[in-house]
Every structure is written in C-alpha cells, then in structure tokens.
Amino acid sequence: MSKKVIDLMTYRIEKTLRDNGFEVKKDDNKNVKILIKLNSNE
C-alpha cells in the first residue's frame, strides 16, 4: 500500500478552476496537466 501526497494549494486552485468552467486533463505518462475551458459564459 503506497501513501499519496496531496498538495492542498494545487488542489484548491484546480477546484476553483473546475468551478469556473475549466476541465483538468492529466497525462500520467508525462506528468502533464492541461486546463481547458469548454464553455464561455461571458
């Protein structure tokens, strides 16, 4: 069983972005995260 480390600041930023219409895509092979805004409400 492995332990998982959580970066709370990163989690909060990603949660705020998700709430504002962004979607977080993660590529596990390259450790890359991409933020995509799917809808423009403005």
N, C-alpha and C. Protein backbone atom coordinates (compact mmCIF):
# COMPACT_ATOMS: atom_id res chain seq x y z
N MET A 1 0.85 -1.19 0.00
CA MET A 1 0.00 0.00 0.00
C MET A 1 0.88 1.24 0.00
N SER A 2 0.67 2.10 -0.97
CA SER A 2 1.51 3.29 -1.08
C SER A 2 0.78 4.50 -0.50
N LYS A 3 1.55 5.43 0.01
CA LYS A 3 0.98 6.66 0.56
C LYS A 3 0.87 7.68 -0.57
N LYS A 4 -0.16 8.49 -0.49
CA LYS A 4 -0.38 9.51 -1.51
C LYS A 4 -0.19 10.88 -0.89
N VAL A 5 0.63 11.70 -1.51
CA VAL A 5 0.88 13.05 -1.03
C VAL A 5 -0.05 14.00 -1.78
N ILE A 6 -0.72 14.87 -1.04
CA ILE A 6 -1.66 15.81 -1.64
C ILE A 6 -1.15 17.23 -1.41
N ASP A 7 -1.02 17.98 -2.48
CA ASP A 7 -0.64 19.39 -2.40
C ASP A 7 -1.93 20.20 -2.30
N LEU A 8 -2.22 20.72 -1.10
CA LEU A 8 -3.51 21.39 -0.86
C LEU A 8 -3.68 22.66 -1.68
N MET A 9 -2.62 23.41 -1.90
CA MET A 9 -2.74 24.64 -2.69
C MET A 9 -3.10 24.31 -4.14
N THR A 10 -2.45 23.30 -4.70
CA THR A 10 -2.76 22.88 -6.06
C THR A 10 -4.20 22.37 -6.14
N TYR A 11 -4.61 21.61 -5.14
CA TYR A 11 -5.97 21.09 -5.11
C TYR A 11 -6.99 22.23 -5.09
N ARG A 12 -6.74 23.24 -4.26
CA ARG A 12 -7.67 24.38 -4.17
C ARG A 12 -7.74 25.15 -5.48
N ILE A 13 -6.59 25.37 -6.12
CA ILE A 13 -6.56 26.09 -7.40
C ILE A 13 -7.33 25.30 -8.45
N GLU A 14 -7.07 23.99 -8.54
CA GLU A 14 -7.78 23.17 -9.53
C GLU A 14 -9.27 23.13 -9.25
N LYS A 15 -9.67 23.07 -7.98
CA LYS A 15 -11.09 23.05 -7.64
C LYS A 15 -11.76 24.37 -8.04
N THR A 16 -11.10 25.49 -7.80
CA THR A 16 -11.64 26.79 -8.19
C THR A 16 -11.79 26.89 -9.70
N LEU A 17 -10.79 26.42 -10.42
CA LEU A 17 -10.86 26.45 -11.89
C LEU A 17 -11.98 25.54 -12.40
N ARG A 18 -12.13 24.36 -11.80
CA ARG A 18 -13.22 23.47 -12.20
C ARG A 18 -14.57 24.13 -11.96
N ASP A 19 -14.70 24.83 -10.85
CA ASP A 19 -15.96 25.52 -10.54
C ASP A 19 -16.24 26.65 -11.52
N ASN A 20 -15.19 27.19 -12.15
CA ASN A 20 -15.35 28.29 -13.10
C ASN A 20 -15.42 27.82 -14.54
N GLY A 21 -15.59 26.52 -14.76
CA GLY A 21 -15.81 26.01 -16.11
C GLY A 21 -14.59 25.41 -16.78
N PHE A 22 -13.47 25.31 -16.09
CA PHE A 22 -12.29 24.68 -16.67
C PHE A 22 -12.32 23.19 -16.37
N GLU A 23 -11.71 22.43 -17.25
CA GLU A 23 -11.57 21.00 -17.02
C GLU A 23 -10.09 20.67 -16.97
N VAL A 24 -9.71 19.86 -16.01
CA VAL A 24 -8.31 19.47 -15.82
C VAL A 24 -8.11 18.10 -16.44
N LYS A 25 -7.22 18.03 -17.42
CA LYS A 25 -6.85 16.75 -18.04
C LYS A 25 -5.44 16.43 -17.60
N LYS A 26 -5.19 15.18 -17.21
CA LYS A 26 -3.88 14.79 -16.72
C LYS A 26 -3.35 13.63 -17.55
N ASP A 27 -2.11 13.76 -18.01
CA ASP A 27 -1.42 12.69 -18.71
C ASP A 27 -0.46 12.04 -17.72
N ASP A 28 -0.79 10.85 -17.23
CA ASP A 28 0.02 10.20 -16.21
C ASP A 28 1.40 9.80 -16.71
N ASN A 29 1.53 9.54 -17.98
CA ASN A 29 2.82 9.10 -18.52
C ASN A 29 3.85 10.22 -18.52
N LYS A 30 3.41 11.45 -18.78
CA LYS A 30 4.35 12.58 -18.89
C LYS A 30 4.23 13.56 -17.74
N ASN A 31 3.35 13.28 -16.77
CA ASN A 31 3.11 14.17 -15.62
C ASN A 31 2.77 15.59 -16.06
N VAL A 32 1.85 15.70 -17.00
CA VAL A 32 1.43 16.99 -17.54
C VAL A 32 -0.05 17.18 -17.22
N LYS A 33 -0.39 18.39 -16.78
CA LYS A 33 -1.80 18.73 -16.56
C LYS A 33 -2.16 19.84 -17.54
N ILE A 34 -3.31 19.71 -18.15
CA ILE A 34 -3.79 20.70 -19.12
C ILE A 34 -5.12 21.25 -18.61
N LEU A 35 -5.25 22.57 -18.63
CA LEU A 35 -6.50 23.22 -18.25
C LEU A 35 -7.23 23.65 -19.53
N ILE A 36 -8.46 23.22 -19.68
CA ILE A 36 -9.24 23.53 -20.87
C ILE A 36 -10.54 24.18 -20.42
N LYS A 37 -10.87 25.31 -21.00
CA LYS A 37 -12.17 25.92 -20.73
C LYS A 37 -13.11 25.54 -21.87
N LEU A 38 -14.14 24.79 -21.53
CA LEU A 38 -15.03 24.24 -22.54
C LEU A 38 -16.14 25.21 -22.93
N ASN A 39 -16.67 25.96 -22.00
CA ASN A 39 -17.78 26.88 -22.27
C ASN A 39 -17.38 28.29 -21.91
N SER A 40 -17.81 29.22 -22.74
CA SER A 40 -17.59 30.63 -22.44
C SER A 40 -18.91 31.26 -22.07
N ASN A 41 -19.08 31.62 -20.82
CA ASN A 41 -20.34 32.18 -20.34
C ASN A 41 -20.33 33.70 -20.32
N GLU A 42 -19.24 34.31 -20.74
CA GLU A 42 -19.15 35.77 -20.65
C GLU A 42 -19.55 36.42 -21.94
